Amino acid sequence: MDRTAPAEGWRRLACVVLAALAVAVGIMALGTQQARAAEPSGPGACASGVVWREAFAGDLAC
């Protein structure tokens, strides 16, 4: 059986944890981009929770 030095074991564990963290951050960033792509955009889109003004005939609805 091959026994590694304790410092080498911690280094290997740190590498695995950092790799898992990098993958998790990448997946979260990808999900954020997809969510933003699904949001409406353009002149007829309104920001969530914002009251613009009173509507009138011929107004574009958000």
PDB file of N, CA and C in Angstrom:
ATOM      1  N   MET A   1       0.838  -1.167   0.000  1.00  0.00           N
ATOM      2  CA  MET A   1       0.000   0.000   0.000  1.00  0.00           C
ATOM      3  C   MET A   1       0.893   1.243   0.000  1.00  0.00           C
ATOM      4  N   ASP A   2       0.546   2.184  -0.865  1.00  0.00           N
ATOM      5  CA  ASP A   2       1.324   3.423  -0.992  1.00  0.00           C
ATOM      6  C   ASP A   2       0.724   4.480  -0.078  1.00  0.00           C
ATOM      7  N   ARG A   3       1.512   4.962   0.852  1.00  0.00           N
ATOM      8  CA  ARG A   3       1.043   6.010   1.775  1.00  0.00           C
ATOM      9  C   ARG A   3       1.630   7.334   1.325  1.00  0.00           C
ATOM     10  N   THR A   4       0.775   8.333   1.178  1.00  0.00           N
ATOM     11  CA  THR A   4       1.244   9.661   0.781  1.00  0.00           C
ATOM     12  C   THR A   4       1.485  10.503   2.021  1.00  0.00           C
ATOM     13  N   ALA A   5       2.320  11.489   1.873  1.00  0.00           N
ATOM     14  CA  ALA A   5       2.593  12.402   2.979  1.00  0.00           C
ATOM     15  C   ALA A   5       1.333  13.213   3.281  1.00  0.00           C
ATOM     16  N   PRO A   6       1.105  13.596   4.528  1.00  0.00           N
ATOM     17  CA  PRO A   6      -0.104  14.360   4.870  1.00  0.00           C
ATOM     18  C   PRO A   6      -0.249  15.649   4.067  1.00  0.00           C
ATOM     19  N   ALA A   7       0.846  16.336   3.809  1.00  0.00           N
ATOM     20  CA  ALA A   7       0.768  17.584   3.043  1.00  0.00           C
ATOM     21  C   ALA A   7       0.280  17.316   1.627  1.00  0.00           C
ATOM     22  N   GLU A   8       0.714  16.208   1.049  1.00  0.00           N
ATOM     23  CA  GLU A   8       0.280  15.872  -0.314  1.00  0.00           C
ATOM     24  C   GLU A   8      -1.212  15.531  -0.340  1.00  0.00           C
ATOM     25  N   GLY A   9      -1.700  14.872   0.691  1.00  0.00           N
ATOM     26  CA  GLY A   9      -3.124  14.545   0.780  1.00  0.00           C
ATOM     27  C   GLY A   9      -3.986  15.796   0.857  1.00  0.00           C
ATOM     28  N   TRP A  10      -3.569  16.777   1.648  1.00  0.00           N
ATOM     29  CA  TRP A  10      -4.302  18.033   1.752  1.00  0.00           C
ATOM     30  C   TRP A  10      -4.264  18.794   0.438  1.00  0.00           C
ATOM     31  N   ARG A  11      -3.137  18.742  -0.234  1.00  0.00           N
ATOM     32  CA  ARG A  11      -3.007  19.432  -1.522  1.00  0.00           C
ATOM     33  C   ARG A  11      -3.956  18.814  -2.547  1.00  0.00           C
ATOM     34  N   ARG A  12      -4.031  17.501  -2.546  1.00  0.00           N
ATOM     35  CA  ARG A  12      -4.926  16.807  -3.480  1.00  0.00           C
ATOM     36  C   ARG A  12      -6.386  17.147  -3.163  1.00  0.00           C
ATOM     37  N   LEU A  13      -6.729  17.163  -1.888  1.00  0.00           N
ATOM     38  CA  LEU A  13      -8.091  17.517  -1.478  1.00  0.00           C
ATOM     39  C   LEU A  13      -8.427  18.949  -1.889  1.00  0.00           C
ATOM     40  N   ALA A  14      -7.483  19.869  -1.698  1.00  0.00           N
ATOM     41  CA  ALA A  14      -7.707  21.264  -2.082  1.00  0.00           C
ATOM     42  C   ALA A  14      -7.933  21.384  -3.583  1.00  0.00           C
ATOM     43  N   CYS A  15      -7.189  20.622  -4.374  1.00  0.00           N
ATOM     44  CA  CYS A  15      -7.366  20.655  -5.834  1.00  0.00           C
ATOM     45  C   CYS A  15      -8.752  20.149  -6.230  1.00  0.00           C
ATOM     46  N   VAL A  16      -9.198  19.087  -5.594  1.00  0.00           N
ATOM     47  CA  VAL A  16     -10.523  18.536  -5.902  1.00  0.00           C
ATOM     48  C   VAL A  16     -11.615  19.532  -5.514  1.00  0.00           C
ATOM     49  N   VAL A  17     -11.483  20.150  -4.355  1.00  0.00           N
ATOM     50  CA  VAL A  17     -12.482  21.126  -3.906  1.00  0.00           C
ATOM     51  C   VAL A  17     -12.504  22.335  -4.837  1.00  0.00           C
ATOM     52  N   LEU A  18     -11.337  22.830  -5.236  1.00  0.00           N
ATOM     53  CA  LEU A  18     -11.285  23.975  -6.154  1.00  0.00           C
ATOM     54  C   LEU A  18     -11.877  23.627  -7.516  1.00  0.00           C
ATOM     55  N   ALA A  19     -11.611  22.419  -8.002  1.00  0.00           N
ATOM     56  CA  ALA A  19     -12.176  22.004  -9.286  1.00  0.00           C
ATOM     57  C   ALA A  19     -13.702  21.928  -9.203  1.00  0.00           C
ATOM     58  N   ALA A  20     -14.219  21.376  -8.110  1.00  0.00           N
ATOM     59  CA  ALA A  20     -15.671  21.289  -7.937  1.00  0.00           C
ATOM     60  C   ALA A  20     -16.290  22.677  -7.837  1.00  0.00           C
ATOM     61  N   LEU A  21     -15.616  23.581  -7.148  1.00  0.00           N
ATOM     62  CA  LEU A  21     -16.104  24.954  -7.030  1.00  0.00           C
ATOM     63  C   LEU A  21     -16.128  25.649  -8.390  1.00  0.00           C
ATOM     64  N   ALA A  22     -15.092  25.436  -9.191  1.00  0.00           N
ATOM     65  CA  ALA A  22     -15.043  26.043 -10.525  1.00  0.00           C
ATOM     66  C   ALA A  22     -16.179  25.520 -11.404  1.00  0.00           C
ATOM     67  N   VAL A  23     -16.455  24.237 -11.326  1.00  0.00           N
ATOM     68  CA  VAL A  23     -17.555  23.657 -12.108  1.00  0.00           C
ATOM     69  C   VAL A  23     -18.893  24.236 -11.646  1.00  0.00           C
ATOM     70  N   ALA A  24     -19.086  24.353 -10.337  1.00  0.00           N
ATOM     71  CA  ALA A  24     -20.343  24.898  -9.808  1.00  0.00           C
ATOM     72  C   ALA A  24     -20.547  26.343 -10.243  1.00  0.00           C
ATOM     73  N   VAL A  25     -19.497  27.148 -10.194  1.00  0.00           N
ATOM     74  CA  VAL A  25     -19.603  28.551 -10.617  1.00  0.00           C
ATOM     75  C   VAL A  25     -19.926  28.625 -12.104  1.00  0.00           C
ATOM     76  N   GLY A  26     -19.312  27.776 -12.909  1.00  0.00           N
ATOM     77  CA  GLY A  26     -19.591  27.752 -14.345  1.00  0.00           C
ATOM     78  C   GLY A  26     -21.036  27.395 -14.636  1.00  0.00           C
ATOM     79  N   ILE A  27     -21.558  26.421 -13.927  1.00  0.00           N
ATOM     80  CA  ILE A  27     -22.957  26.014 -14.129  1.00  0.00           C
ATOM     81  C   ILE A  27     -23.903  27.134 -13.714  1.00  0.00           C
ATOM     82  N   MET A  28     -23.612  27.797 -12.608  1.00  0.00           N
ATOM     83  CA  MET A  28     -24.462  28.903 -12.158  1.00  0.00           C
ATOM     84  C   MET A  28     -24.427  30.060 -13.152  1.00  0.00           C
ATOM     85  N   ALA A  29     -23.263  30.361 -13.704  1.00  0.00           N
ATOM     86  CA  ALA A  29     -23.154  31.448 -14.680  1.00  0.00           C
ATOM     87  C   ALA A  29     -23.942  31.111 -15.939  1.00  0.00           C
ATOM     88  N   LEU A  30     -23.891  29.866 -16.353  1.00  0.00           N
ATOM     89  CA  LEU A  30     -24.628  29.436 -17.538  1.00  0.00           C
ATOM     90  C   LEU A  30     -26.127  29.566 -17.299  1.00  0.00           C
ATOM     91  N   GLY A  31     -26.592  29.193 -16.120  1.00  0.00           N
ATOM     92  CA  GLY A  31     -28.010  29.313 -15.790  1.00  0.00           C
ATOM     93  C   GLY A  31     -28.471  30.758 -15.771  1.00  0.00           C
ATOM     94  N   THR A  32     -27.627  31.662 -15.300  1.00  0.00           N
ATOM     95  CA  THR A  32     -27.972  33.080 -15.266  1.00  0.00           C
ATOM     96  C   THR A  32     -28.127  33.631 -16.671  1.00  0.00           C
ATOM     97  N   GLN A  33     -27.253  33.241 -17.581  1.00  0.00           N
ATOM     98  CA  GLN A  33     -27.332  33.713 -18.965  1.00  0.00           C
ATOM     99  C   GLN A  33     -28.607  33.214 -19.628  1.00  0.00           C
ATOM    100  N   GLN A  34     -28.979  31.973 -19.368  1.00  0.00           N
ATOM    101  CA  GLN A  34     -30.196  31.429 -19.966  1.00  0.00           C
ATOM    102  C   GLN A  34     -31.429  32.125 -19.402  1.00  0.00           C
ATOM    103  N   ALA A  35     -31.420  32.445 -18.124  1.00  0.00           N
ATOM    104  CA  ALA A  35     -32.563  33.133 -17.520  1.00  0.00           C
ATOM    105  C   ALA A  35     -32.707  34.534 -18.101  1.00  0.00           C
ATOM    106  N   ARG A  36     -31.602  35.219 -18.312  1.00  0.00           N
ATOM    107  CA  ARG A  36     -31.672  36.564 -18.890  1.00  0.00           C
ATOM    108  C   ARG A  36     -32.135  36.514 -20.341  1.00  0.00           C
ATOM    109  N   ALA A  37     -31.776  35.474 -21.065  1.00  0.00           N
ATOM    110  CA  ALA A  37     -32.196  35.352 -22.455  1.00  0.00           C
ATOM    111  C   ALA A  37     -33.708  35.153 -22.545  1.00  0.00           C
ATOM    112  N   ALA A  38     -34.313  34.574 -21.513  1.00  0.00           N
ATOM    113  CA  ALA A  38     -35.752  34.324 -21.522  1.00  0.00           C
ATOM    114  C   ALA A  38     -36.561  35.573 -21.172  1.00  0.00           C
ATOM    115  N   GLU A  39     -35.924  36.586 -20.603  1.00  0.00           N
ATOM    116  CA  GLU A  39     -36.632  37.811 -20.245  1.00  0.00           C
ATOM    117  C   GLU A  39     -36.971  38.615 -21.495  1.00  0.00           C
ATOM    118  N   PRO A  40     -38.123  39.262 -21.496  1.00  0.00           N
ATOM    119  CA  PRO A  40     -38.465  40.096 -22.647  1.00  0.00           C
ATOM    120  C   PRO A  40     -37.571  41.330 -22.702  1.00  0.00           C
ATOM    121  N   SER A  41     -37.308  41.777 -23.895  1.00  0.00           N
ATOM    122  CA  SER A  41     -36.518  42.998 -24.054  1.00  0.00           C
ATOM    123  C   SER A  41     -37.072  43.793 -25.224  1.00  0.00           C
ATOM    124  N   GLY A  42     -36.728  45.040 -25.284  1.00  0.00           N
ATOM    125  CA  GLY A  42     -37.187  45.881 -26.372  1.00  0.00           C
ATOM    126  C   GLY A  42     -38.025  47.031 -25.857  1.00  0.00           C
ATOM    127  N   PRO A  43     -38.592  47.811 -26.778  1.00  0.00           N
ATOM    128  CA  PRO A  43     -39.327  49.005 -26.368  1.00  0.00           C
ATOM    129  C   PRO A  43     -40.607  48.708 -25.596  1.00  0.00           C
ATOM    130  N   GLY A  44     -41.214  47.536 -25.760  1.00  0.00           N
ATOM    131  CA  GLY A  44     -42.456  47.209 -25.070  1.00  0.00           C
ATOM    132  C   GLY A  44     -42.257  46.490 -23.751  1.00  0.00           C
ATOM    133  N   ALA A  45     -41.013  46.246 -23.358  1.00  0.00           N
ATOM    134  CA  ALA A  45     -40.736  45.510 -22.123  1.00  0.00           C
ATOM    135  C   ALA A  45     -40.630  46.469 -20.943  1.00  0.00           C
ATOM    136  N   CYS A  46     -41.149  46.046 -19.805  1.00  0.00           N
ATOM    137  CA  CYS A  46     -41.082  46.872 -18.597  1.00  0.00           C
ATOM    138  C   CYS A  46     -40.263  46.157 -17.533  1.00  0.00           C
ATOM    139  N   ALA A  47     -39.584  46.929 -16.721  1.00  0.00           N
ATOM    140  CA  ALA A  47     -38.840  46.367 -15.606  1.00  0.00           C
ATOM    141  C   ALA A  47     -39.823  45.873 -14.553  1.00  0.00           C
ATOM    142  N   SER A  48     -39.503  44.769 -13.931  1.00  0.00           N
ATOM    143  CA  SER A  48     -40.369  44.180 -12.924  1.00  0.00           C
ATOM    144  C   SER A  48     -40.490  45.090 -11.707  1.00  0.00           C
ATOM    145  N   GLY A  49     -41.722  45.350 -11.267  1.00  0.00           N
ATOM    146  CA  GLY A  49     -41.956  46.129 -10.066  1.00  0.00           C
ATOM    147  C   GLY A  49     -41.885  47.636 -10.242  1.00  0.00           C
ATOM    148  N   VAL A  50     -41.783  48.109 -11.458  1.00  0.00           N
ATOM    149  CA  VAL A  50     -41.669  49.550 -11.700  1.00  0.00           C
ATOM    150  C   VAL A  50     -43.000  50.073 -12.225  1.00  0.00           C
ATOM    151  N   VAL A  51     -43.501  51.141 -11.640  1.00  0.00           N
ATOM    152  CA  VAL A  51     -44.719  51.796 -12.114  1.00  0.00           C
ATOM    153  C   VAL A  51     -44.288  52.993 -12.942  1.00  0.00           C
ATOM    154  N   TRP A  52     -44.651  52.983 -14.207  1.00  0.00           N
ATOM    155  CA  TRP A  52     -44.167  54.034 -15.107  1.00  0.00           C
ATOM    156  C   TRP A  52     -45.042  55.280 -15.037  1.00  0.00           C
ATOM    157  N   ARG A  53     -46.309  55.136 -15.401  1.00  0.00           N
ATOM    158  CA  ARG A  53     -47.230  56.268 -15.438  1.00  0.00           C
ATOM    159  C   ARG A  53     -48.613  55.709 -15.725  1.00  0.00           C
ATOM    160  N   GLU A  54     -49.609  56.574 -15.744  1.00  0.00           N
ATOM    161  CA  GLU A  54     -50.960  56.136 -16.058  1.00  0.00           C
ATOM    162  C   GLU A  54     -51.049  55.830 -17.549  1.00  0.00           C
ATOM    163  N   ALA A  55     -51.771  54.784 -17.884  1.00  0.00           N
ATOM    164  CA  ALA A  55     -51.894  54.368 -19.281  1.00  0.00           C
ATOM    165  C   ALA A  55     -52.944  55.202 -20.000  1.00  0.00           C
ATOM    166  N   PHE A  56     -52.840  55.238 -21.311  1.00  0.00           N
ATOM    167  CA  PHE A  56     -53.830  55.912 -22.143  1.00  0.00           C
ATOM    168  C   PHE A  56     -54.105  55.048 -23.364  1.00  0.00           C
ATOM    169  N   ALA A  57     -55.152  55.381 -24.113  1.00  0.00           N
ATOM    170  CA  ALA A  57     -55.533  54.599 -25.289  1.00  0.00           C
ATOM    171  C   ALA A  57     -54.372  54.554 -26.275  1.00  0.00           C
ATOM    172  N   GLY A  58     -54.060  53.369 -26.777  1.00  0.00           N
ATOM    173  CA  GLY A  58     -52.972  53.204 -27.735  1.00  0.00           C
ATOM    174  C   GLY A  58     -51.631  52.885 -27.085  1.00  0.00           C
ATOM    175  N   ASP A  59     -51.595  52.853 -25.752  1.00  0.00           N
ATOM    176  CA  ASP A  59     -50.364  52.490 -25.037  1.00  0.00           C
ATOM    177  C   ASP A  59     -49.973  51.046 -25.340  1.00  0.00           C
ATOM    178  N   LEU A  60     -48.694  50.795 -25.322  1.00  0.00           N
ATOM    179  CA  LEU A  60     -48.211  49.421 -25.418  1.00  0.00           C
ATOM    180  C   LEU A  60     -48.221  48.820 -24.022  1.00  0.00           C
ATOM    181  N   ALA A  61     -48.754  47.608 -23.907  1.00  0.00           N
ATOM    182  CA  ALA A  61     -48.768  46.932 -22.607  1.00  0.00           C
ATOM    183  C   ALA A  61     -47.469  46.162 -22.421  1.00  0.00           C
ATOM    184  N   CYS A  62     -46.990  46.125 -21.201  1.00  0.00           N
ATOM    185  CA  CYS A  62     -45.762  45.383 -20.887  1.00  0.00           C
ATOM    186  C   CYS A  62     -46.065  43.913 -20.806  1.00  0.00           C
TER     187      CYS A  62
END
